[in-house]
Protein backbone atom coordinates (compact mmCIF):
# COMPACT_ATOMS: atom_id res chain seq x y z
CA UNK A 1 -5.23 -3.45 15.12
CA UNK A 2 -5.01 0.12 13.88
CA UNK A 3 -2.29 2.45 15.13
CA UNK A 4 -5.08 4.45 16.68
CA UNK A 5 -8.06 6.63 16.00
CA UNK A 6 -10.27 9.19 17.60
CA UNK A 7 -13.91 10.07 18.09
CA UNK A 8 -14.93 13.72 17.85
CA UNK A 9 -18.01 15.04 19.65
CA UNK A 10 -19.43 18.53 20.05
CA UNK A 11 -19.41 18.46 23.86
CA UNK A 12 -17.52 16.35 26.41
CA UNK A 13 -17.18 12.72 25.35
CA UNK A 14 -17.36 11.45 28.96
CA UNK A 15 -20.86 12.91 29.28
CA UNK A 16 -21.99 10.75 26.34
CA UNK A 17 -20.41 7.34 26.85
CA UNK A 18 -18.17 5.37 29.22
CA UNK A 19 -14.41 5.78 28.67
CA UNK A 20 -12.04 3.11 29.96
CA UNK A 21 -8.30 2.51 30.05
CA UNK A 22 -6.87 0.41 27.22
CA UNK A 23 -4.30 -2.35 27.78
CA UNK A 24 -1.55 0.00 26.57
CA UNK A 25 -0.30 2.80 28.83
CA UNK A 26 -1.77 6.27 28.30
CA UNK A 27 -4.43 4.98 25.89
CA UNK A 28 -8.16 5.08 26.42
CA UNK A 29 -11.02 3.45 24.54
CA UNK A 30 -14.77 3.99 24.54
CA UNK A 31 -17.10 1.06 25.12
CA UNK A 32 -19.17 1.55 21.99
CA UNK A 33 -18.32 -0.03 18.64
CA UNK A 34 -18.20 1.64 15.24
CA UNK A 35 -21.80 0.76 14.37
CA UNK A 36 -23.08 2.41 17.57
CA UNK A 37 -21.05 5.53 16.81
CA UNK A 38 -22.37 5.55 13.25
CA UNK A 39 -25.98 5.28 14.43
CA UNK A 40 -25.45 8.23 16.77
CA UNK A 41 -23.77 10.30 14.08
CA UNK A 42 -20.46 10.81 15.92
CA UNK A 43 -17.35 11.45 13.83
CA UNK A 44 -14.77 8.64 13.95
CA UNK A 45 -11.35 8.95 12.31
CA UNK A 46 -9.05 5.93 12.03
CA UNK A 47 -5.30 6.40 11.86
CA UNK A 48 -3.47 3.77 9.81
CA UNK A 49 0.24 3.31 9.23
CA UNK A 50 2.20 2.40 6.11
CA UNK A 51 5.71 1.03 6.46
CA UNK A 52 6.45 2.20 2.92
CA UNK A 53 6.10 5.86 4.00
CA UNK A 54 8.88 5.26 6.53
CA UNK A 55 11.03 3.55 3.88
CA UNK A 56 10.50 6.41 1.40
CA UNK A 57 11.36 9.03 4.06
CA UNK A 58 14.58 7.13 4.88
CA UNK A 59 15.43 6.77 1.17
CA UNK A 60 14.98 10.53 0.63
CA UNK A 61 17.30 11.22 3.60
CA UNK A 62 19.95 8.85 2.16
CA UNK A 63 19.67 10.52 -1.26
CA UNK A 64 20.16 13.94 0.34
CA UNK A 65 23.21 12.71 2.31
CA UNK A 66 24.94 10.74 -0.44
CA UNK A 67 23.80 12.37 -3.67
CA UNK A 68 22.78 15.89 -2.60
CA UNK A 69 19.26 15.32 -3.97
CA UNK A 70 16.47 16.84 -1.93
CA UNK A 71 13.20 15.13 -2.86
CA UNK A 72 9.67 15.07 -1.47
CA UNK A 73 6.62 12.98 -2.34
CA UNK A 74 5.59 15.84 -4.66
CA UNK A 75 8.90 16.43 -6.45
CA UNK A 76 9.85 12.96 -7.75
CA UNK A 77 10.06 13.32 -11.57
CA UNK A 78 6.69 12.22 -13.05
CA UNK A 79 5.89 9.77 -15.87
CA UNK A 80 9.41 8.37 -16.27
CA UNK A 81 9.37 5.66 -19.03
CA UNK A 82 12.15 3.41 -17.57
CA UNK A 83 10.00 2.90 -14.46
CA UNK A 84 7.09 1.59 -16.51
CA UNK A 85 9.50 -0.65 -18.48
CA UNK A 86 10.72 -2.09 -15.18
CA UNK A 87 7.16 -2.71 -13.93
CA UNK A 88 6.12 -4.33 -17.23
CA UNK A 89 8.97 -6.83 -16.69
CA UNK A 90 7.48 -7.53 -13.23
CA UNK A 91 10.79 -6.42 -11.72
CA UNK A 92 9.05 -5.14 -8.60
CA UNK A 93 10.45 -6.83 -5.49
CA UNK A 94 10.16 -4.31 -2.65
CA UNK A 95 7.90 -1.93 -4.62
CA UNK A 96 4.80 -0.88 -2.66
CA UNK A 97 1.59 -2.86 -3.37
CA UNK A 98 2.79 -4.54 -6.59
CA UNK A 99 5.28 -7.02 -5.11
CA UNK A 100 2.84 -9.84 -4.27
CA UNK A 101 2.73 -12.99 -6.42
CA UNK A 102 -0.66 -11.96 -7.84
CA UNK A 103 0.61 -8.50 -8.77
CA UNK A 104 3.86 -9.79 -10.27
CA UNK A 105 1.78 -12.10 -12.49
CA UNK A 106 -0.60 -9.29 -13.38
CA UNK A 107 1.93 -6.54 -14.24
CA UNK A 108 3.08 -8.03 -17.60
CA UNK A 109 -0.58 -8.48 -18.60
CA UNK A 110 -1.56 -4.99 -17.49
CA UNK A 111 1.52 -3.31 -19.03
CA UNK A 112 1.19 0.01 -17.17
CA UNK A 113 2.40 2.99 -19.22
CA UNK A 114 1.04 5.97 -17.29
CA UNK A 115 0.06 6.93 -13.75
CA UNK A 116 -3.67 6.17 -14.11
CA UNK A 117 -2.74 2.61 -15.14
CA UNK A 118 -1.15 2.21 -11.70
CA UNK A 119 -4.35 3.51 -10.06
CA UNK A 120 -6.30 0.74 -11.87
CA UNK A 121 -3.58 -1.82 -11.09
CA UNK A 122 -3.83 -1.15 -7.36
CA UNK A 123 -7.64 -1.39 -7.41
CA UNK A 124 -8.14 -4.41 -9.67
CA UNK A 125 -6.03 -7.06 -7.92
CA UNK A 126 -8.47 -7.19 -5.01
CA UNK A 127 -11.08 -9.71 -3.86
CA UNK A 128 -13.92 -7.42 -5.05
CA UNK A 129 -13.05 -7.10 -8.76
CA UNK A 130 -11.72 -10.70 -8.85
CA UNK A 131 -15.01 -12.14 -7.51
CA UNK A 132 -16.99 -9.84 -9.79
CA UNK A 133 -15.17 -11.39 -12.79
CA UNK A 134 -13.88 -8.02 -13.97
CA UNK A 135 -10.19 -8.75 -14.56
CA UNK A 136 -10.42 -10.54 -17.94
CA UNK A 137 -12.78 -8.01 -19.57
CA UNK A 138 -10.59 -5.16 -18.30
CA UNK A 139 -7.35 -6.65 -19.66
CA UNK A 140 -8.89 -7.77 -22.98
CA UNK A 141 -10.40 -4.34 -23.63
CA UNK A 142 -7.23 -2.57 -22.58
CA UNK A 143 -5.18 -4.72 -24.98
CA UNK A 144 -7.72 -4.24 -27.78
CA UNK A 145 -8.77 -7.90 -27.96
CA UNK A 146 -12.33 -7.10 -27.00
CA UNK A 147 -14.48 -4.13 -27.93
CA UNK A 148 -15.62 -1.81 -25.13
CA UNK A 149 -19.40 -2.18 -25.21
CA UNK A 150 -21.22 1.13 -25.49
CA UNK A 151 -23.44 1.37 -22.42
CA UNK A 152 -24.96 4.74 -23.33
CA UNK A 153 -23.67 8.24 -22.53
CA UNK A 154 -24.67 8.25 -18.83
CA UNK A 155 -22.94 4.95 -18.03
CA UNK A 156 -19.91 5.68 -20.24
CA UNK A 157 -19.31 8.89 -18.32
CA UNK A 158 -19.02 6.75 -15.17
CA UNK A 159 -17.15 3.77 -16.68
CA UNK A 160 -15.37 5.16 -19.78
CA UNK A 161 -11.93 5.55 -18.22
CA UNK A 162 -11.98 1.96 -16.91
CA UNK A 163 -13.07 0.42 -20.24
CA UNK A 164 -16.68 -0.08 -19.17
CA UNK A 165 -15.65 -2.11 -16.09
CA UNK A 166 -16.52 -0.81 -12.59
CA UNK A 167 -13.38 -0.87 -10.41
CA UNK A 168 -13.96 1.73 -7.72
CA UNK A 169 -16.52 2.25 -4.94
CA UNK A 170 -17.52 5.63 -6.38
CA UNK A 171 -18.36 3.96 -9.70
CA UNK A 172 -20.59 1.42 -7.94
CA UNK A 173 -22.50 4.28 -6.33
CA UNK A 174 -22.69 6.30 -9.57
CA UNK A 175 -24.08 3.27 -11.46
CA UNK A 176 -26.79 2.95 -8.82
CA UNK A 177 -27.71 6.60 -9.42
CA UNK A 178 -27.47 6.88 -13.22
CA UNK A 179 -28.52 3.36 -14.27
CA UNK A 180 -30.82 2.14 -11.48
CA UNK A 181 -32.39 5.46 -10.47
CA UNK A 182 -31.19 5.48 -6.85
CA UNK A 183 -31.11 8.83 -5.08
CA UNK A 184 -27.63 9.84 -3.86
CA UNK A 185 -28.77 9.09 -0.29
CA UNK A 186 -29.87 5.57 -1.31
CA UNK A 187 -26.57 5.05 -3.13
CA UNK A 188 -24.72 6.01 0.05
CA UNK A 189 -26.84 3.52 2.03
CA UNK A 190 -25.89 0.91 -0.57
CA UNK A 191 -22.21 1.76 -0.05
CA UNK A 192 -22.62 1.40 3.73
CA UNK A 193 -24.46 -1.88 3.41
CA UNK A 194 -21.57 -3.18 1.26
CA UNK A 195 -19.32 -2.92 4.31
CA UNK A 196 -21.67 -4.76 6.65
CA UNK A 197 -23.96 -6.92 4.50
CA UNK A 198 -22.12 -10.18 5.32
CA UNK A 199 -23.09 -9.78 8.97
CA UNK A 200 -26.51 -8.20 8.54
CA UNK A 201 -27.73 -9.75 5.27
CA UNK A 202 -29.01 -6.33 4.15
CA UNK A 203 -27.83 -6.43 0.53
CA UNK A 204 -30.75 -8.51 -0.80
CA UNK A 205 -33.24 -5.68 -0.39
CA UNK A 206 -31.02 -3.50 -2.58
CA UNK A 207 -30.64 -6.20 -5.26
CA UNK A 208 -34.31 -6.21 -6.31
CA UNK A 209 -34.48 -2.42 -6.28
CA UNK A 210 -31.23 -2.16 -8.29
CA UNK A 211 -32.01 -4.78 -10.95
CA UNK A 212 -35.60 -3.59 -11.50
CA UNK A 213 -34.33 0.00 -11.71
CA UNK A 214 -31.85 -0.95 -14.44
CA UNK A 215 -34.43 -3.05 -16.34
CA UNK A 216 -36.91 -0.17 -16.35
CA UNK A 217 -34.20 2.02 -17.91
CA UNK A 218 -33.69 -0.41 -20.77
CA UNK A 219 -30.54 -2.28 -19.64
CA UNK A 220 -30.64 -6.05 -20.17
CA UNK A 221 -31.12 -8.42 -17.25
CA UNK A 222 -27.75 -10.14 -17.67
CA UNK A 223 -25.87 -6.82 -17.55
CA UNK A 224 -27.89 -5.63 -14.54
CA UNK A 225 -27.10 -8.89 -12.68
CA UNK A 226 -23.40 -8.54 -13.58
CA UNK A 227 -23.32 -4.95 -12.34
CA UNK A 228 -24.85 -6.00 -9.05
CA UNK A 229 -22.54 -9.00 -8.67
CA UNK A 230 -19.61 -6.63 -9.10
CA UNK A 231 -21.03 -4.24 -6.50
CA UNK A 232 -21.55 -7.20 -4.16
CA UNK A 233 -17.91 -8.14 -4.67
CA UNK A 234 -16.96 -4.68 -3.41
CA UNK A 235 -18.47 -5.71 -0.10
CA UNK A 236 -15.44 -7.88 0.54
CA UNK A 237 -12.94 -5.26 -0.61
CA UNK A 238 -13.63 -2.33 -2.88
CA UNK A 239 -11.26 0.61 -3.18
CA UNK A 240 -12.38 4.21 -3.43
CA UNK A 241 -10.65 5.80 -6.43
CA UNK A 242 -8.95 8.47 -4.27
CA UNK A 243 -7.48 5.72 -2.07
CA UNK A 244 -6.20 3.83 -5.13
CA UNK A 245 -4.67 7.06 -6.49
CA UNK A 246 -2.76 7.84 -3.30
CA UNK A 247 -1.52 4.23 -3.13
CA UNK A 248 -0.52 4.43 -6.82
CA UNK A 249 1.56 7.52 -5.98
CA UNK A 250 3.55 5.42 -3.49
CA UNK A 251 3.84 2.61 -6.07
CA UNK A 252 5.33 5.11 -8.51
CA UNK A 253 7.73 6.71 -6.00
CA UNK A 254 8.99 3.37 -4.63
CA UNK A 255 9.40 2.10 -8.24
CA UNK A 256 11.34 5.30 -9.13
CA UNK A 257 13.68 4.73 -6.20
CA UNK A 258 14.20 1.08 -7.12
CA UNK A 259 14.77 1.91 -10.78
CA UNK A 260 17.28 4.74 -10.33
CA UNK A 261 18.73 4.23 -6.82
CA UNK A 262 18.59 0.51 -6.02
CA UNK A 263 21.23 0.65 -3.25
CA UNK A 264 19.46 3.57 -1.52
CA UNK A 265 16.07 1.84 -1.89
CA UNK A 266 17.27 -1.50 -0.47
CA UNK A 267 19.06 0.23 2.42
CA UNK A 268 15.88 2.15 3.32
CA UNK A 269 13.72 -1.00 3.08
CA UNK A 270 16.08 -2.98 5.33
CA UNK A 271 16.04 -0.14 7.89
CA UNK A 272 12.21 -0.11 7.89
CA UNK A 273 11.63 -3.82 8.56
CA UNK A 274 9.37 -5.59 9.28
CA UNK A 275 7.24 -4.72 6.24
CA UNK A 276 6.22 -6.00 2.82
CA UNK A 277 6.24 -9.51 1.43
CA UNK A 278 9.94 -10.25 1.44
CA UNK A 279 12.45 -11.22 4.11
CA UNK A 280 15.67 -9.16 4.34
CA UNK A 281 17.65 -11.98 2.69
CA UNK A 282 15.43 -11.80 -0.41
CA UNK A 283 15.77 -8.01 -0.60
CA UNK A 284 19.56 -8.36 -0.36
CA UNK A 285 19.60 -11.03 -3.09
CA UNK A 286 17.46 -8.79 -5.34
CA UNK A 287 19.88 -5.87 -4.77
CA UNK A 288 22.83 -8.10 -5.75
CA UNK A 289 20.95 -9.22 -8.88
CA UNK A 290 20.67 -5.52 -9.78
CA UNK A 291 24.44 -5.00 -9.46
CA UNK A 292 24.59 -3.54 -5.96
CA UNK A 293 27.72 -4.45 -3.98
CA UNK A 294 26.51 -5.75 -0.61
CA UNK A 295 29.16 -5.65 2.14
CA UNK A 296 28.78 -7.93 5.18
CA UNK A 297 28.15 -6.90 8.78
CA UNK A 298 31.46 -5.76 10.28
CA UNK A 299 32.32 -4.80 13.87
CA UNK A 300 34.65 -2.15 12.42
CA UNK A 301 32.25 -0.60 9.89
CA UNK A 302 28.60 -1.38 10.64
CA UNK A 303 26.12 0.68 12.62
CA UNK A 304 22.74 -0.54 13.92
CA UNK A 305 21.06 0.48 10.65
CA UNK A 306 22.32 -0.54 7.23
CA UNK A 307 24.44 2.21 5.66
CA UNK A 308 25.81 3.24 2.25
CA UNK A 309 29.54 3.45 1.54
CA UNK A 310 31.20 5.18 -1.41
CA UNK A 311 32.91 2.91 -3.93
CA UNK A 312 36.01 3.78 -5.94
CA UNK A 313 33.91 4.00 -9.13
CA UNK A 314 31.58 6.62 -7.58
CA UNK A 315 28.80 4.12 -6.94
CA UNK A 316 27.35 3.22 -3.55
CA UNK A 317 27.82 -0.07 -1.73
CA UNK A 318 25.33 -1.33 0.83
CA UNK A 319 26.84 -2.11 4.24
CA UNK A 320 24.62 -4.38 6.32
CA UNK A 321 23.91 -3.20 9.85
CA UNK A 322 23.83 -4.98 13.21
CA UNK A 323 20.01 -4.96 13.06
CA UNK A 324 20.27 -7.91 10.63
CA UNK A 325 21.69 -10.15 13.39
CA UNK A 326 18.92 -12.10 15.05
CA UNK A 327 18.71 -11.42 18.78
CA UNK A 328 21.13 -8.48 18.74
CA UNK A 329 20.01 -5.43 20.74
CA UNK A 330 20.23 -1.89 19.41
CA UNK A 331 21.85 -0.74 22.67
CA UNK A 332 24.74 -3.22 22.27
CA UNK A 333 25.25 -2.14 18.65
CA UNK A 334 25.51 1.44 19.92
CA UNK A 335 28.24 0.50 22.43
CA UNK A 336 30.23 -1.38 19.77
CA UNK A 337 30.08 1.59 17.38
CA UNK A 338 30.87 4.16 20.11
CA UNK A 339 33.93 2.35 21.49
CA UNK A 340 35.61 1.26 18.27
CA UNK A 341 37.64 4.43 17.55
CA UNK A 342 39.94 3.45 14.65
CA UNK A 343 38.74 -0.14 14.80
CA UNK A 344 39.08 -3.28 16.89
CA UNK A 345 42.26 -5.26 16.03
CA UNK A 346 40.95 -8.48 17.67
CA UNK A 347 38.06 -10.05 19.60
CA UNK A 348 39.68 -9.33 22.97
CA UNK A 349 39.84 -5.57 22.34
CA UNK A 350 36.18 -5.62 21.28
CA UNK A 351 35.31 -7.39 24.52
CA UNK A 352 37.38 -5.02 26.68
CA UNK A 353 36.37 -1.73 25.02
CA UNK A 354 32.71 -2.24 24.13
CA UNK A 355 31.81 -4.03 27.36
CA UNK A 356 28.98 -5.99 25.78
CA UNK A 357 27.55 -9.20 27.19
CA UNK A 358 29.23 -12.52 26.20
CA UNK A 359 25.98 -13.65 24.47
CA UNK A 360 26.22 -10.62 22.21
CA UNK A 361 29.91 -11.27 21.51
């Protein structure tokens, strides 16, 4: 389920279609689905959410508080070599998008050295490119084991920066235009049918048109079939390049935080749970492996969120918060913190002063 979304019409929406109450308070839904809206030409905007944006915002706030560094998504230092070294080692637990098993296996083969490599990295470990058989040619050409075949100036303009391998939705559409002679409108219909062809079976009509278009322009049949198979793979999950680039930006920023401020990064991740592939215990273990001192939950020191504490050597230690205790309520954590003054000398004083329920104690 998306966080939400909205439909925009020129006049009043209730004069066009029925509006009903959703299960959630103060939410309404319309009775038509996205295909109906598309057919009628109404504008629909989906709103998605990324837990990593919350984690990055919290990490920036911690950096400002503890290190006096004021950063934004735009001002993180670019193209920092140690970050790429870290990613090439597949040291990426907690890093946005590249922490899955598949990505951790792929990073040492990909060996990203610049930002555009991360854009490709995000886009290639997807069902579309995997089913289209594009990963091996991409890696082999990138590593110089295989020559990039010259597909002619028109195709190389589309595919040159990805070593002759189509990775992005835009490239699939551009191939249809420059190599198969589609009009831009037909290419857009192809893109739309990619999203729905499994249900509607509409892709077959495009296949004949696409392959014959490429053959008539002198491309060989095998290459034309491969191009179409790749485009078909996008149907299950192709990324637009702009989408991959904005995701790659978050990969880079989360990797920068992990590389240079591991304690801050782990603290922000723990305070943004649930998210990502890893349980809090694994994130804590990874922080310890990177030399972060992790201090246990303490009735005299912890707050609801995890916090950072100054160490004698000028470093930061990670203090685990009450939120890590299963079944503990934020309200009770607030009472414990508010009533502790200079600390609780014993369990009885905690019970008397904080007034929390015996289950919580």
